[in-house]
N, C-alpha and C. Protein backbone atom coordinates (compact mmCIF):
# COMPACT_ATOMS: atom_id res chain seq x y z
N GLY A 1 -54.42 -69.36 7.88
CA GLY A 1 -53.99 -68.48 6.84
C GLY A 1 -54.10 -67.02 7.26
N TYR A 2 -53.81 -66.18 6.34
CA TYR A 2 -53.87 -64.73 6.56
C TYR A 2 -54.33 -64.06 5.29
N SER A 3 -54.80 -62.84 5.42
CA SER A 3 -55.23 -62.08 4.23
C SER A 3 -53.99 -61.51 3.54
N PRO A 4 -53.89 -61.71 2.23
CA PRO A 4 -52.76 -61.16 1.51
C PRO A 4 -52.82 -59.64 1.46
N SER A 5 -51.66 -59.01 1.42
CA SER A 5 -51.60 -57.54 1.34
C SER A 5 -51.67 -57.11 -0.11
N HIS A 6 -51.95 -55.83 -0.33
CA HIS A 6 -51.99 -55.29 -1.68
C HIS A 6 -50.63 -55.42 -2.33
N VAL A 7 -49.57 -55.23 -1.55
CA VAL A 7 -48.20 -55.36 -2.07
C VAL A 7 -47.95 -56.80 -2.52
N GLY A 8 -48.36 -57.75 -1.70
CA GLY A 8 -48.19 -59.16 -2.05
C GLY A 8 -48.97 -59.55 -3.31
N ILE A 9 -50.19 -59.06 -3.42
CA ILE A 9 -51.02 -59.36 -4.58
C ILE A 9 -50.44 -58.72 -5.83
N THR A 10 -49.94 -57.50 -5.72
CA THR A 10 -49.31 -56.84 -6.87
C THR A 10 -48.10 -57.64 -7.34
N GLY A 11 -47.28 -58.12 -6.41
CA GLY A 11 -46.14 -58.97 -6.78
C GLY A 11 -46.58 -60.25 -7.45
N TYR A 12 -47.62 -60.86 -6.93
CA TYR A 12 -48.16 -62.11 -7.52
C TYR A 12 -48.64 -61.85 -8.93
N ASP A 13 -49.44 -60.78 -9.10
CA ASP A 13 -49.94 -60.47 -10.45
C ASP A 13 -48.80 -60.16 -11.40
N GLY A 14 -47.78 -59.47 -10.95
CA GLY A 14 -46.63 -59.15 -11.81
C GLY A 14 -45.92 -60.41 -12.28
N MET A 15 -45.70 -61.33 -11.36
CA MET A 15 -45.03 -62.59 -11.74
C MET A 15 -45.88 -63.44 -12.65
N MET A 16 -47.18 -63.50 -12.37
CA MET A 16 -48.07 -64.29 -13.23
C MET A 16 -48.18 -63.67 -14.63
N MET A 17 -48.14 -62.33 -14.70
CA MET A 17 -48.21 -61.65 -16.00
C MET A 17 -46.96 -62.04 -16.82
N ILE A 18 -45.78 -61.95 -16.21
CA ILE A 18 -44.54 -62.28 -16.95
C ILE A 18 -44.55 -63.74 -17.34
N TRP A 19 -44.95 -64.63 -16.43
CA TRP A 19 -45.02 -66.06 -16.74
C TRP A 19 -45.97 -66.30 -17.91
N GLY A 20 -47.12 -65.66 -17.90
CA GLY A 20 -48.10 -65.82 -18.99
C GLY A 20 -47.57 -65.32 -20.32
N LEU A 21 -46.82 -64.24 -20.30
CA LEU A 21 -46.26 -63.72 -21.55
C LEU A 21 -45.19 -64.64 -22.12
N MET A 22 -44.48 -65.36 -21.26
CA MET A 22 -43.33 -66.14 -21.71
C MET A 22 -43.66 -67.61 -22.00
N VAL A 23 -44.92 -68.04 -21.86
CA VAL A 23 -45.28 -69.45 -22.03
C VAL A 23 -44.86 -69.97 -23.40
N ASP A 24 -45.10 -69.23 -24.46
CA ASP A 24 -44.81 -69.74 -25.80
C ASP A 24 -43.62 -69.01 -26.48
N VAL A 25 -42.76 -68.42 -25.67
CA VAL A 25 -41.64 -67.63 -26.18
C VAL A 25 -40.34 -68.12 -25.57
N GLU A 26 -39.26 -68.00 -26.32
CA GLU A 26 -37.94 -68.34 -25.77
C GLU A 26 -37.66 -67.46 -24.54
N LEU A 27 -37.26 -68.07 -23.48
CA LEU A 27 -37.02 -67.35 -22.21
C LEU A 27 -35.69 -66.61 -22.28
N THR A 28 -35.71 -65.44 -22.91
CA THR A 28 -34.54 -64.59 -23.04
C THR A 28 -34.93 -63.14 -22.77
N ARG A 29 -33.95 -62.30 -22.58
CA ARG A 29 -34.22 -60.88 -22.40
C ARG A 29 -34.94 -60.31 -23.62
N ASP A 30 -34.47 -60.68 -24.83
CA ASP A 30 -35.10 -60.18 -26.04
C ASP A 30 -36.52 -60.71 -26.20
N GLY A 31 -36.75 -61.97 -25.85
CA GLY A 31 -38.10 -62.54 -25.94
C GLY A 31 -39.08 -61.81 -25.04
N LEU A 32 -38.67 -61.54 -23.78
CA LEU A 32 -39.51 -60.81 -22.86
C LEU A 32 -39.77 -59.40 -23.33
N ARG A 33 -38.71 -58.71 -23.78
CA ARG A 33 -38.85 -57.34 -24.26
C ARG A 33 -39.83 -57.27 -25.44
N ASP A 34 -39.70 -58.22 -26.39
CA ASP A 34 -40.59 -58.21 -27.55
C ASP A 34 -42.05 -58.43 -27.13
N LYS A 35 -42.30 -59.33 -26.19
CA LYS A 35 -43.66 -59.58 -25.75
C LYS A 35 -44.24 -58.36 -25.02
N LEU A 36 -43.42 -57.73 -24.16
CA LEU A 36 -43.89 -56.56 -23.42
C LEU A 36 -44.19 -55.39 -24.37
N GLN A 37 -43.41 -55.25 -25.43
CA GLN A 37 -43.59 -54.14 -26.37
C GLN A 37 -44.69 -54.38 -27.37
N SER A 38 -45.18 -55.62 -27.50
CA SER A 38 -46.20 -55.92 -28.50
C SER A 38 -47.61 -55.60 -28.03
N GLY A 39 -47.78 -55.33 -26.74
CA GLY A 39 -49.10 -55.03 -26.19
C GLY A 39 -49.80 -56.32 -25.77
N PHE A 40 -50.63 -56.22 -24.73
CA PHE A 40 -51.34 -57.39 -24.22
C PHE A 40 -52.39 -56.97 -23.21
N VAL A 41 -53.25 -57.91 -22.88
CA VAL A 41 -54.24 -57.75 -21.81
C VAL A 41 -53.96 -58.84 -20.79
N PHE A 42 -53.92 -58.47 -19.52
CA PHE A 42 -53.68 -59.44 -18.44
C PHE A 42 -54.81 -59.33 -17.46
N ASN A 43 -55.45 -60.46 -17.14
CA ASN A 43 -56.51 -60.52 -16.14
C ASN A 43 -55.95 -61.19 -14.91
N GLY A 44 -55.82 -60.44 -13.83
CA GLY A 44 -55.22 -60.95 -12.60
C GLY A 44 -56.10 -60.75 -11.41
N VAL A 45 -55.53 -60.96 -10.25
CA VAL A 45 -56.26 -60.80 -8.99
C VAL A 45 -56.78 -59.37 -8.82
N LEU A 46 -55.96 -58.40 -9.24
CA LEU A 46 -56.35 -56.97 -9.07
C LEU A 46 -57.26 -56.46 -10.16
N GLY A 47 -57.57 -57.30 -11.14
CA GLY A 47 -58.44 -56.87 -12.23
C GLY A 47 -57.75 -56.97 -13.56
N SER A 48 -58.31 -56.34 -14.55
CA SER A 48 -57.80 -56.40 -15.90
C SER A 48 -56.83 -55.24 -16.16
N THR A 49 -55.69 -55.58 -16.77
CA THR A 49 -54.69 -54.60 -17.13
C THR A 49 -54.44 -54.66 -18.61
N ARG A 50 -54.60 -53.52 -19.31
CA ARG A 50 -54.38 -53.47 -20.75
C ARG A 50 -53.14 -52.63 -21.01
N VAL A 51 -52.22 -53.18 -21.80
CA VAL A 51 -51.00 -52.48 -22.18
C VAL A 51 -50.99 -52.39 -23.70
N GLU A 52 -51.00 -51.18 -24.22
CA GLU A 52 -50.98 -50.98 -25.67
C GLU A 52 -49.58 -51.18 -26.19
N ALA A 53 -49.46 -51.59 -27.45
CA ALA A 53 -48.15 -51.81 -28.07
C ALA A 53 -47.32 -50.54 -28.00
N GLY A 54 -46.05 -50.70 -27.64
CA GLY A 54 -45.13 -49.58 -27.56
C GLY A 54 -45.17 -48.80 -26.26
N ILE A 55 -46.11 -49.07 -25.38
CA ILE A 55 -46.22 -48.37 -24.11
C ILE A 55 -45.28 -49.04 -23.09
N HIS A 56 -44.59 -48.24 -22.29
CA HIS A 56 -43.62 -48.77 -21.34
C HIS A 56 -44.13 -48.78 -19.90
N ASP A 57 -45.33 -48.31 -19.65
CA ASP A 57 -45.90 -48.29 -18.29
C ASP A 57 -46.95 -49.37 -18.17
N ILE A 58 -46.90 -50.12 -17.10
CA ILE A 58 -47.91 -51.10 -16.80
C ILE A 58 -48.58 -50.67 -15.50
N ASN A 59 -49.85 -50.31 -15.59
CA ASN A 59 -50.58 -49.80 -14.45
C ASN A 59 -51.55 -50.84 -13.92
N PHE A 60 -51.34 -51.25 -12.69
CA PHE A 60 -52.27 -52.15 -12.01
C PHE A 60 -53.28 -51.28 -11.26
N PRO A 61 -54.54 -51.74 -11.15
CA PRO A 61 -55.52 -50.96 -10.38
C PRO A 61 -55.06 -50.82 -8.92
N LEU A 62 -55.30 -49.68 -8.36
CA LEU A 62 -54.99 -49.43 -6.95
C LEU A 62 -56.26 -49.26 -6.17
N PHE A 63 -56.26 -49.71 -4.93
CA PHE A 63 -57.43 -49.61 -4.09
C PHE A 63 -57.13 -48.70 -2.91
N PRO A 64 -57.94 -47.63 -2.70
CA PRO A 64 -57.67 -46.72 -1.60
C PRO A 64 -57.81 -47.44 -0.25
N ALA A 65 -56.88 -47.12 0.66
CA ALA A 65 -56.89 -47.76 1.98
C ALA A 65 -56.30 -46.79 3.00
N VAL A 66 -56.53 -47.09 4.25
CA VAL A 66 -55.93 -46.32 5.36
C VAL A 66 -55.25 -47.32 6.30
N ILE A 67 -54.24 -46.84 6.98
CA ILE A 67 -53.56 -47.63 8.01
C ILE A 67 -54.05 -47.14 9.36
N ILE A 68 -54.61 -48.04 10.15
CA ILE A 68 -55.14 -47.65 11.46
C ILE A 68 -54.16 -48.07 12.55
N ASP A 69 -54.47 -47.70 13.78
CA ASP A 69 -53.61 -48.02 14.93
C ASP A 69 -53.16 -49.47 14.89
N GLY A 70 -51.90 -49.70 15.15
CA GLY A 70 -51.36 -51.05 15.13
C GLY A 70 -50.90 -51.49 13.78
N GLY A 71 -51.03 -50.63 12.79
CA GLY A 71 -50.54 -50.95 11.44
C GLY A 71 -51.48 -51.78 10.60
N GLU A 72 -52.73 -51.90 11.01
CA GLU A 72 -53.67 -52.69 10.22
C GLU A 72 -54.16 -51.89 9.03
N LEU A 73 -54.29 -52.55 7.89
CA LEU A 73 -54.68 -51.90 6.64
C LEU A 73 -56.17 -52.13 6.40
N TRP A 74 -56.91 -51.04 6.23
CA TRP A 74 -58.34 -51.12 5.92
C TRP A 74 -58.59 -50.53 4.54
N PHE A 75 -59.17 -51.34 3.66
CA PHE A 75 -59.52 -50.84 2.33
C PHE A 75 -60.81 -50.07 2.39
N LEU A 76 -60.86 -48.93 1.67
CA LEU A 76 -62.05 -48.06 1.68
C LEU A 76 -63.06 -48.48 0.63
């Protein structure tokens, strides 16, 4: 195996968040929009994300890192 990247984990958390929101809702554009606008808490790999009702920004926690020689990513 290999260590997942922050980008990969963010994508995973994003997909799991949407899947979790849509479990008990009709899978439509309107259904997803209504769930996103109603507010929710999502606990994922990157930590807990809280979205208040009516807010359009979803902020995942970010971890400071540096890229060293050879393109390797080191988290600080």
